[in-house]
Amino acid sequence: QFGLKGKNINVVTACATGNHNIGEGFRSIQYGEA
């Protein structure tokens, strides 16, 4: 929808899913992947 071509992931951990995805997004920026 928005033309975002960078790293695109979906961490599935039931009710912890939202936090894991924000955490992994945070790491992706911390380490220069996005």
PDB file of all heavy atoms in Angstrom:
ATOM      1  N   GLN A   1       0.815  -1.224   0.000  1.00  0.00           N
ATOM      2  CA  GLN A   1       0.000   0.000   0.000  1.00  0.00           C
ATOM      3  C   GLN A   1       0.843   1.265   0.000  1.00  0.00           C
ATOM      4  O   GLN A   1       0.489   2.258  -0.628  1.00  0.00           O
ATOM      5  CB  GLN A   1      -0.922   0.018   1.235  1.00  0.00           C
ATOM      6  CG  GLN A   1      -2.077  -0.968   1.173  1.00  0.00           C
ATOM      7  CD  GLN A   1      -3.148  -0.565   0.164  1.00  0.00           C
ATOM      8  OE1 GLN A   1      -3.633   0.564   0.161  1.00  0.00           O
ATOM      9  NE2 GLN A   1      -3.507  -1.484  -0.710  1.00  0.00           N
ATOM     10  N   PHE A   2       1.964   1.242   0.725  1.00  0.00           N
ATOM     11  CA  PHE A   2       2.721   2.488   0.931  1.00  0.00           C
ATOM     12  C   PHE A   2       4.105   2.473   0.288  1.00  0.00           C
ATOM     13  O   PHE A   2       4.891   3.399   0.476  1.00  0.00           O
ATOM     14  CB  PHE A   2       2.821   2.792   2.441  1.00  0.00           C
ATOM     15  CG  PHE A   2       1.470   2.792   3.113  1.00  0.00           C
ATOM     16  CD1 PHE A   2       1.140   1.819   4.044  1.00  0.00           C
ATOM     17  CD2 PHE A   2       0.504   3.733   2.765  1.00  0.00           C
ATOM     18  CE1 PHE A   2      -0.123   1.789   4.640  1.00  0.00           C
ATOM     19  CE2 PHE A   2      -0.760   3.708   3.356  1.00  0.00           C
ATOM     20  CZ  PHE A   2      -1.073   2.748   4.293  1.00  0.00           C
ATOM     21  N   GLY A   3       4.405   1.420  -0.477  1.00  0.00           N
ATOM     22  CA  GLY A   3       5.669   1.394  -1.233  1.00  0.00           C
ATOM     23  C   GLY A   3       6.901   1.283  -0.359  1.00  0.00           C
ATOM     24  O   GLY A   3       7.939   1.872  -0.644  1.00  0.00           O
ATOM     25  N   LEU A   4       6.798   0.494   0.724  1.00  0.00           N
ATOM     26  CA  LEU A   4       7.923   0.332   1.647  1.00  0.00           C
ATOM     27  C   LEU A   4       8.715  -0.911   1.244  1.00  0.00           C
ATOM     28  O   LEU A   4       8.227  -2.031   1.355  1.00  0.00           O
ATOM     29  CB  LEU A   4       7.409   0.199   3.086  1.00  0.00           C
ATOM     30  CG  LEU A   4       6.310   1.188   3.503  1.00  0.00           C
ATOM     31  CD1 LEU A   4       5.905   0.969   4.948  1.00  0.00           C
ATOM     32  CD2 LEU A   4       6.740   2.634   3.273  1.00  0.00           C
ATOM     33  N   LYS A   5       9.936  -0.712   0.744  1.00  0.00           N
ATOM     34  CA  LYS A   5      10.680  -1.804   0.118  1.00  0.00           C
ATOM     35  C   LYS A   5      11.786  -2.390   0.985  1.00  0.00           C
ATOM     36  O   LYS A   5      12.544  -3.253   0.539  1.00  0.00           O
ATOM     37  CB  LYS A   5      11.282  -1.315  -1.204  1.00  0.00           C
ATOM     38  CG  LYS A   5      10.216  -0.933  -2.228  1.00  0.00           C
ATOM     39  CD  LYS A   5      10.849  -0.494  -3.537  1.00  0.00           C
ATOM     40  CE  LYS A   5       9.774  -0.154  -4.564  1.00  0.00           C
ATOM     41  NZ  LYS A   5      10.377   0.258  -5.855  1.00  0.00           N
ATOM     42  N   GLY A   6      11.894  -1.920   2.230  1.00  0.00           N
ATOM     43  CA  GLY A   6      12.946  -2.422   3.115  1.00  0.00           C
ATOM     44  C   GLY A   6      12.601  -3.758   3.722  1.00  0.00           C
ATOM     45  O   GLY A   6      11.659  -4.442   3.298  1.00  0.00           O
ATOM     46  N   LYS A   7      13.376  -4.141   4.717  1.00  0.00           N
ATOM     47  CA  LYS A   7      13.178  -5.395   5.448  1.00  0.00           C
ATOM     48  C   LYS A   7      11.707  -5.537   5.826  1.00  0.00           C
ATOM     49  O   LYS A   7      11.113  -4.620   6.396  1.00  0.00           O
ATOM     50  CB  LYS A   7      14.050  -5.346   6.705  1.00  0.00           C
ATOM     51  CG  LYS A   7      14.000  -6.587   7.566  1.00  0.00           C
ATOM     52  CD  LYS A   7      14.956  -6.415   8.757  1.00  0.00           C
ATOM     53  CE  LYS A   7      15.055  -7.703   9.549  1.00  0.00           C
ATOM     54  NZ  LYS A   7      16.044  -7.594  10.638  1.00  0.00           N
ATOM     55  N   ASN A   8      11.115  -6.707   5.520  1.00  0.00           N
ATOM     56  CA  ASN A   8       9.682  -6.893   5.783  1.00  0.00           C
ATOM     57  C   ASN A   8       9.492  -8.232   6.481  1.00  0.00           C
ATOM     58  O   ASN A   8       9.658  -9.288   5.878  1.00  0.00           O
ATOM     59  CB  ASN A   8       8.919  -6.850   4.449  1.00  0.00           C
ATOM     60  CG  ASN A   8       7.428  -6.755   4.668  1.00  0.00           C
ATOM     61  OD1 ASN A   8       6.823  -7.622   5.271  1.00  0.00           O
ATOM     62  ND2 ASN A   8       6.831  -5.691   4.159  1.00  0.00           N
ATOM     63  N   ILE A   9       9.167  -8.167   7.785  1.00  0.00           N
ATOM     64  CA  ILE A   9       9.088  -9.396   8.578  1.00  0.00           C
ATOM     65  C   ILE A   9       7.792  -9.468   9.385  1.00  0.00           C
ATOM     66  O   ILE A   9       7.128  -8.459   9.612  1.00  0.00           O
ATOM     67  CB  ILE A   9      10.311  -9.563   9.520  1.00  0.00           C
ATOM     68  CG1 ILE A   9      10.473  -8.340  10.441  1.00  0.00           C
ATOM     69  CG2 ILE A   9      11.572  -9.832   8.735  1.00  0.00           C
ATOM     70  CD1 ILE A   9      11.532  -8.514  11.519  1.00  0.00           C
ATOM     71  N   ASN A  10       7.481 -10.700   9.809  1.00  0.00           N
ATOM     72  CA  ASN A  10       6.274 -10.978  10.575  1.00  0.00           C
ATOM     73  C   ASN A  10       6.644 -12.017  11.620  1.00  0.00           C
ATOM     74  O   ASN A  10       6.716 -13.193  11.330  1.00  0.00           O
ATOM     75  CB  ASN A  10       5.204 -11.513   9.602  1.00  0.00           C
ATOM     76  CG  ASN A  10       4.089 -12.273  10.292  1.00  0.00           C
ATOM     77  OD1 ASN A  10       3.551 -11.834  11.296  1.00  0.00           O
ATOM     78  ND2 ASN A  10       3.742 -13.434   9.745  1.00  0.00           N
ATOM     79  N   VAL A  11       6.915 -11.556  12.836  1.00  0.00           N
ATOM     80  CA  VAL A  11       7.225 -12.486  13.916  1.00  0.00           C
ATOM     81  C   VAL A  11       5.899 -12.926  14.535  1.00  0.00           C
ATOM     82  O   VAL A  11       5.094 -12.093  14.936  1.00  0.00           O
ATOM     83  CB  VAL A  11       8.098 -11.811  14.995  1.00  0.00           C
ATOM     84  CG1 VAL A  11       8.476 -12.815  16.076  1.00  0.00           C
ATOM     85  CG2 VAL A  11       9.355 -11.204  14.376  1.00  0.00           C
ATOM     86  N   VAL A  12       5.657 -14.233  14.579  1.00  0.00           N
ATOM     87  CA  VAL A  12       4.398 -14.757  15.103  1.00  0.00           C
ATOM     88  C   VAL A  12       4.656 -15.478  16.417  1.00  0.00           C
ATOM     89  O   VAL A  12       5.230 -16.565  16.428  1.00  0.00           O
ATOM     90  CB  VAL A  12       3.724 -15.718  14.099  1.00  0.00           C
ATOM     91  CG1 VAL A  12       2.386 -16.199  14.640  1.00  0.00           C
ATOM     92  CG2 VAL A  12       3.537 -15.038  12.751  1.00  0.00           C
ATOM     93  N   THR A  13       4.252 -14.875  17.532  1.00  0.00           N
ATOM     94  CA  THR A  13       4.451 -15.482  18.850  1.00  0.00           C
ATOM     95  C   THR A  13       3.182 -15.321  19.684  1.00  0.00           C
ATOM     96  O   THR A  13       3.227 -14.886  20.838  1.00  0.00           O
ATOM     97  CB  THR A  13       5.652 -14.848  19.578  1.00  0.00           C
ATOM     98  OG1 THR A  13       5.532 -13.417  19.517  1.00  0.00           O
ATOM     99  CG2 THR A  13       6.962 -15.264  18.962  1.00  0.00           C
ATOM    100  N   ALA A  14       2.033 -15.644  19.054  1.00  0.00           N
ATOM    101  CA  ALA A  14       0.746 -15.550  19.747  1.00  0.00           C
ATOM    102  C   ALA A  14       0.595 -14.168  20.377  1.00  0.00           C
ATOM    103  O   ALA A  14       0.757 -13.164  19.688  1.00  0.00           O
ATOM    104  CB  ALA A  14       0.605 -16.676  20.773  1.00  0.00           C
ATOM    105  N   CYS A  15       0.362 -14.131  21.695  1.00  0.00           N
ATOM    106  CA  CYS A  15       0.032 -12.858  22.353  1.00  0.00           C
ATOM    107  C   CYS A  15       1.249 -11.970  22.614  1.00  0.00           C
ATOM    108  O   CYS A  15       1.114 -10.847  23.086  1.00  0.00           O
ATOM    109  CB  CYS A  15      -0.717 -13.140  23.644  1.00  0.00           C
ATOM    110  SG  CYS A  15      -2.046 -14.325  23.379  1.00  0.00           S
ATOM    111  N   ALA A  16       2.451 -12.473  22.310  1.00  0.00           N
ATOM    112  CA  ALA A  16       3.659 -11.654  22.427  1.00  0.00           C
ATOM    113  C   ALA A  16       4.062 -11.051  21.082  1.00  0.00           C
ATOM    114  O   ALA A  16       5.062 -10.338  20.973  1.00  0.00           O
ATOM    115  CB  ALA A  16       4.807 -12.494  22.988  1.00  0.00           C
ATOM    116  N   THR A  17       3.269 -11.317  20.051  1.00  0.00           N
ATOM    117  CA  THR A  17       3.590 -10.918  18.672  1.00  0.00           C
ATOM    118  C   THR A  17       3.904  -9.425  18.533  1.00  0.00           C
ATOM    119  O   THR A  17       4.913  -9.042  17.933  1.00  0.00           O
ATOM    120  CB  THR A  17       2.416 -11.298  17.737  1.00  0.00           C
ATOM    121  OG1 THR A  17       2.328 -12.725  17.660  1.00  0.00           O
ATOM    122  CG2 THR A  17       2.577 -10.732  16.341  1.00  0.00           C
ATOM    123  N   GLY A  18       3.038  -8.576  19.048  1.00  0.00           N
ATOM    124  CA  GLY A  18       3.225  -7.124  18.884  1.00  0.00           C
ATOM    125  C   GLY A  18       4.557  -6.664  19.441  1.00  0.00           C
ATOM    126  O   GLY A  18       5.313  -5.937  18.787  1.00  0.00           O
ATOM    127  N   ASN A  19       4.874  -7.092  20.677  1.00  0.00           N
ATOM    128  CA  ASN A  19       6.132  -6.671  21.300  1.00  0.00           C
ATOM    129  C   ASN A  19       7.346  -7.227  20.574  1.00  0.00           C
ATOM    130  O   ASN A  19       8.350  -6.537  20.403  1.00  0.00           O
ATOM    131  CB  ASN A  19       6.164  -7.100  22.777  1.00  0.00           C
ATOM    132  CG  ASN A  19       5.590  -6.028  23.692  1.00  0.00           C
ATOM    133  OD1 ASN A  19       4.933  -5.088  23.242  1.00  0.00           O
ATOM    134  ND2 ASN A  19       5.807  -6.173  24.988  1.00  0.00           N
ATOM    135  N   HIS A  20       7.266  -8.484  20.138  1.00  0.00           N
ATOM    136  CA  HIS A  20       8.406  -9.050  19.399  1.00  0.00           C
ATOM    137  C   HIS A  20       8.658  -8.274  18.104  1.00  0.00           C
ATOM    138  O   HIS A  20       9.811  -8.037  17.725  1.00  0.00           O
ATOM    139  CB  HIS A  20       8.168 -10.528  19.064  1.00  0.00           C
ATOM    140  CG  HIS A  20       8.632 -11.458  20.147  1.00  0.00           C
ATOM    141  ND1 HIS A  20       7.805 -12.391  20.729  1.00  0.00           N
ATOM    142  CD2 HIS A  20       9.835 -11.603  20.754  1.00  0.00           C
ATOM    143  CE1 HIS A  20       8.495 -13.076  21.647  1.00  0.00           C
ATOM    144  NE2 HIS A  20       9.725 -12.608  21.678  1.00  0.00           N
ATOM    145  N   ASN A  21       7.602  -7.908  17.402  1.00  0.00           N
ATOM    146  CA  ASN A  21       7.789  -7.183  16.138  1.00  0.00           C
ATOM    147  C   ASN A  21       8.364  -5.790  16.364  1.00  0.00           C
ATOM    148  O   ASN A  21       9.216  -5.334  15.587  1.00  0.00           O
ATOM    149  CB  ASN A  21       6.477  -7.124  15.364  1.00  0.00           C
ATOM    150  CG  ASN A  21       6.203  -8.419  14.625  1.00  0.00           C
ATOM    151  OD1 ASN A  21       6.725  -8.657  13.543  1.00  0.00           O
ATOM    152  ND2 ASN A  21       5.411  -9.295  15.242  1.00  0.00           N
ATOM    153  N   ILE A  22       7.924  -5.122  17.427  1.00  0.00           N
ATOM    154  CA  ILE A  22       8.491  -3.802  17.731  1.00  0.00           C
ATOM    155  C   ILE A  22       9.948  -3.965  18.158  1.00  0.00           C
ATOM    156  O   ILE A  22      10.822  -3.206  17.730  1.00  0.00           O
ATOM    157  CB  ILE A  22       7.645  -3.081  18.797  1.00  0.00           C
ATOM    158  CG1 ILE A  22       6.275  -2.715  18.197  1.00  0.00           C
ATOM    159  CG2 ILE A  22       8.349  -1.816  19.302  1.00  0.00           C
ATOM    160  CD1 ILE A  22       5.223  -2.277  19.196  1.00  0.00           C
ATOM    161  N   GLY A  23      10.226  -5.002  18.956  1.00  0.00           N
ATOM    162  CA  GLY A  23      11.604  -5.261  19.371  1.00  0.00           C
ATOM    163  C   GLY A  23      12.521  -5.574  18.209  1.00  0.00           C
ATOM    164  O   GLY A  23      13.643  -5.056  18.127  1.00  0.00           O
ATOM    165  N   GLU A  24      12.039  -6.394  17.277  1.00  0.00           N
ATOM    166  CA  GLU A  24      12.865  -6.741  16.114  1.00  0.00           C
ATOM    167  C   GLU A  24      13.006  -5.552  15.151  1.00  0.00           C
ATOM    168  O   GLU A  24      14.050  -5.395  14.500  1.00  0.00           O
ATOM    169  CB  GLU A  24      12.299  -7.976  15.403  1.00  0.00           C
ATOM    170  CG  GLU A  24      12.330  -9.261  16.237  1.00  0.00           C
ATOM    171  CD  GLU A  24      13.716  -9.658  16.708  1.00  0.00           C
ATOM    172  OE1 GLU A  24      14.687  -9.510  15.942  1.00  0.00           O
ATOM    173  OE2 GLU A  24      13.834 -10.119  17.870  1.00  0.00           O
ATOM    174  N   GLY A  25      11.972  -4.723  15.078  1.00  0.00           N
ATOM    175  CA  GLY A  25      12.078  -3.488  14.287  1.00  0.00           C
ATOM    176  C   GLY A  25      13.121  -2.552  14.878  1.00  0.00           C
ATOM    177  O   GLY A  25      13.932  -1.943  14.161  1.00  0.00           O
ATOM    178  N   PHE A  26      13.118  -2.442  16.198  1.00  0.00           N
ATOM    179  CA  PHE A  26      14.099  -1.641  16.957  1.00  0.00           C
ATOM    180  C   PHE A  26      15.517  -2.131  16.669  1.00  0.00           C
ATOM    181  O   PHE A  26      16.408  -1.361  16.326  1.00  0.00           O
ATOM    182  CB  PHE A  26      13.713  -1.772  18.439  1.00  0.00           C
ATOM    183  CG  PHE A  26      14.720  -1.328  19.456  1.00  0.00           C
ATOM    184  CD1 PHE A  26      15.257  -0.045  19.440  1.00  0.00           C
ATOM    185  CD2 PHE A  26      15.084  -2.190  20.499  1.00  0.00           C
ATOM    186  CE1 PHE A  26      16.161   0.363  20.426  1.00  0.00           C
ATOM    187  CE2 PHE A  26      15.976  -1.792  21.483  1.00  0.00           C
ATOM    188  CZ  PHE A  26      16.530  -0.509  21.446  1.00  0.00           C
ATOM    189  N   ARG A  27      15.715  -3.446  16.776  1.00  0.00           N
ATOM    190  CA  ARG A  27      17.047  -4.014  16.491  1.00  0.00           C
ATOM    191  C   ARG A  27      17.473  -3.751  15.038  1.00  0.00           C
ATOM    192  O   ARG A  27      18.644  -3.467  14.774  1.00  0.00           O
ATOM    193  CB  ARG A  27      17.027  -5.525  16.731  1.00  0.00           C
ATOM    194  CG  ARG A  27      16.989  -5.931  18.179  1.00  0.00           C
ATOM    195  CD  ARG A  27      18.368  -5.871  18.828  1.00  0.00           C
ATOM    196  NE  ARG A  27      18.282  -6.409  20.183  1.00  0.00           N
ATOM    197  CZ  ARG A  27      18.167  -5.661  21.288  1.00  0.00           C
ATOM    198  NH1 ARG A  27      18.129  -4.339  21.187  1.00  0.00           N
ATOM    199  NH2 ARG A  27      18.099  -6.229  22.480  1.00  0.00           N
ATOM    200  N   SER A  28      16.525  -3.864  14.119  1.00  0.00           N
ATOM    201  CA  SER A  28      16.848  -3.670  12.694  1.00  0.00           C
ATOM    202  C   SER A  28      17.417  -2.277  12.443  1.00  0.00           C
ATOM    203  O   SER A  28      18.329  -2.104  11.631  1.00  0.00           O
ATOM    204  CB  SER A  28      15.591  -3.869  11.835  1.00  0.00           C
ATOM    205  OG  SER A  28      15.087  -5.181  11.999  1.00  0.00           O
ATOM    206  N   ILE A  29      16.877  -1.279  13.155  1.00  0.00           N
ATOM    207  CA  ILE A  29      17.375   0.097  12.994  1.00  0.00           C
ATOM    208  C   ILE A  29      18.678   0.270  13.770  1.00  0.00           C
ATOM    209  O   ILE A  29      19.638   0.862  13.262  1.00  0.00           O
ATOM    210  CB  ILE A  29      16.318   1.119  13.461  1.00  0.00           C
ATOM    211  CG1 ILE A  29      15.074   1.040  12.567  1.00  0.00           C
ATOM    212  CG2 ILE A  29      16.894   2.541  13.434  1.00  0.00           C
ATOM    213  CD1 ILE A  29      13.886   1.858  13.064  1.00  0.00           C
ATOM    214  N   GLN A  30      18.719  -0.262  14.993  1.00  0.00           N
ATOM    215  CA  GLN A  30      19.942  -0.149  15.809  1.00  0.00           C
ATOM    216  C   GLN A  30      21.163  -0.623  15.038  1.00  0.00           C
ATOM    217  O   GLN A  30      22.224  -0.012  15.101  1.00  0.00           O
ATOM    218  CB  GLN A  30      19.810  -1.033  17.061  1.00  0.00           C
ATOM    219  CG  GLN A  30      19.218  -0.371  18.263  1.00  0.00           C
ATOM    220  CD  GLN A  30      19.388  -1.263  19.489  1.00  0.00           C
ATOM    221  OE1 GLN A  30      19.194  -2.476  19.431  1.00  0.00           O
ATOM    222  NE2 GLN A  30      19.747  -0.668  20.598  1.00  0.00           N
ATOM    223  N   TYR A  31      20.995  -1.741  14.302  1.00  0.00           N
ATOM    224  CA  TYR A  31      22.137  -2.353  13.635  1.00  0.00           C
ATOM    225  C   TYR A  31      22.240  -2.008  12.156  1.00  0.00           C
ATOM    226  O   TYR A  31      22.928  -2.671  11.401  1.00  0.00           O
ATOM    227  CB  TYR A  31      22.136  -3.872  13.892  1.00  0.00           C
ATOM    228  CG  TYR A  31      22.431  -4.138  15.343  1.00  0.00           C
ATOM    229  CD1 TYR A  31      21.419  -4.460  16.238  1.00  0.00           C
ATOM    230  CD2 TYR A  31      23.717  -3.972  15.851  1.00  0.00           C
ATOM    231  CE1 TYR A  31      21.684  -4.636  17.588  1.00  0.00           C
ATOM    232  CE2 TYR A  31      23.990  -4.149  17.190  1.00  0.00           C
ATOM    233  CZ  TYR A  31      22.983  -4.486  18.069  1.00  0.00           C
ATOM    234  OH  TYR A  31      23.254  -4.646  19.405  1.00  0.00           O
ATOM    235  N   GLY A  32      21.528  -0.946  11.749  1.00  0.00           N
ATOM    236  CA  GLY A  32      21.756  -0.370  10.434  1.00  0.00           C
ATOM    237  C   GLY A  32      21.062  -1.047   9.266  1.00  0.00           C
ATOM    238  O   GLY A  32      21.349  -0.728   8.113  1.00  0.00           O
ATOM    239  N   GLU A  33      20.136  -1.966   9.530  1.00  0.00           N
ATOM    240  CA  GLU A  33      19.445  -2.631   8.421  1.00  0.00           C
ATOM    241  C   GLU A  33      18.346  -1.764   7.815  1.00  0.00           C
ATOM    242  O   GLU A  33      17.883  -2.025   6.714  1.00  0.00           O
ATOM    243  CB  GLU A  33      18.834  -3.955   8.901  1.00  0.00           C
ATOM    244  CG  GLU A  33      19.865  -4.973   9.318  1.00  0.00           C
ATOM    245  CD  GLU A  33      19.232  -6.252   9.844  1.00  0.00           C
ATOM    246  OE1 GLU A  33      18.115  -6.223  10.361  1.00  0.00           O
ATOM    247  OE2 GLU A  33      19.892  -7.284   9.732  1.00  0.00           O
ATOM    248  N   ALA A  34      17.917  -0.764   8.554  1.00  0.00           N
ATOM    249  CA  ALA A  34      16.871   0.152   8.078  1.00  0.00           C
ATOM    250  C   ALA A  34      17.024   1.465   8.820  1.00  0.00           C
ATOM    251  O   ALA A  34      17.663   1.527   9.875  1.00  0.00           O
ATOM    252  CB  ALA A  34      15.481  -0.439   8.338  1.00  0.00           C
TER     253      ALA A  34
END
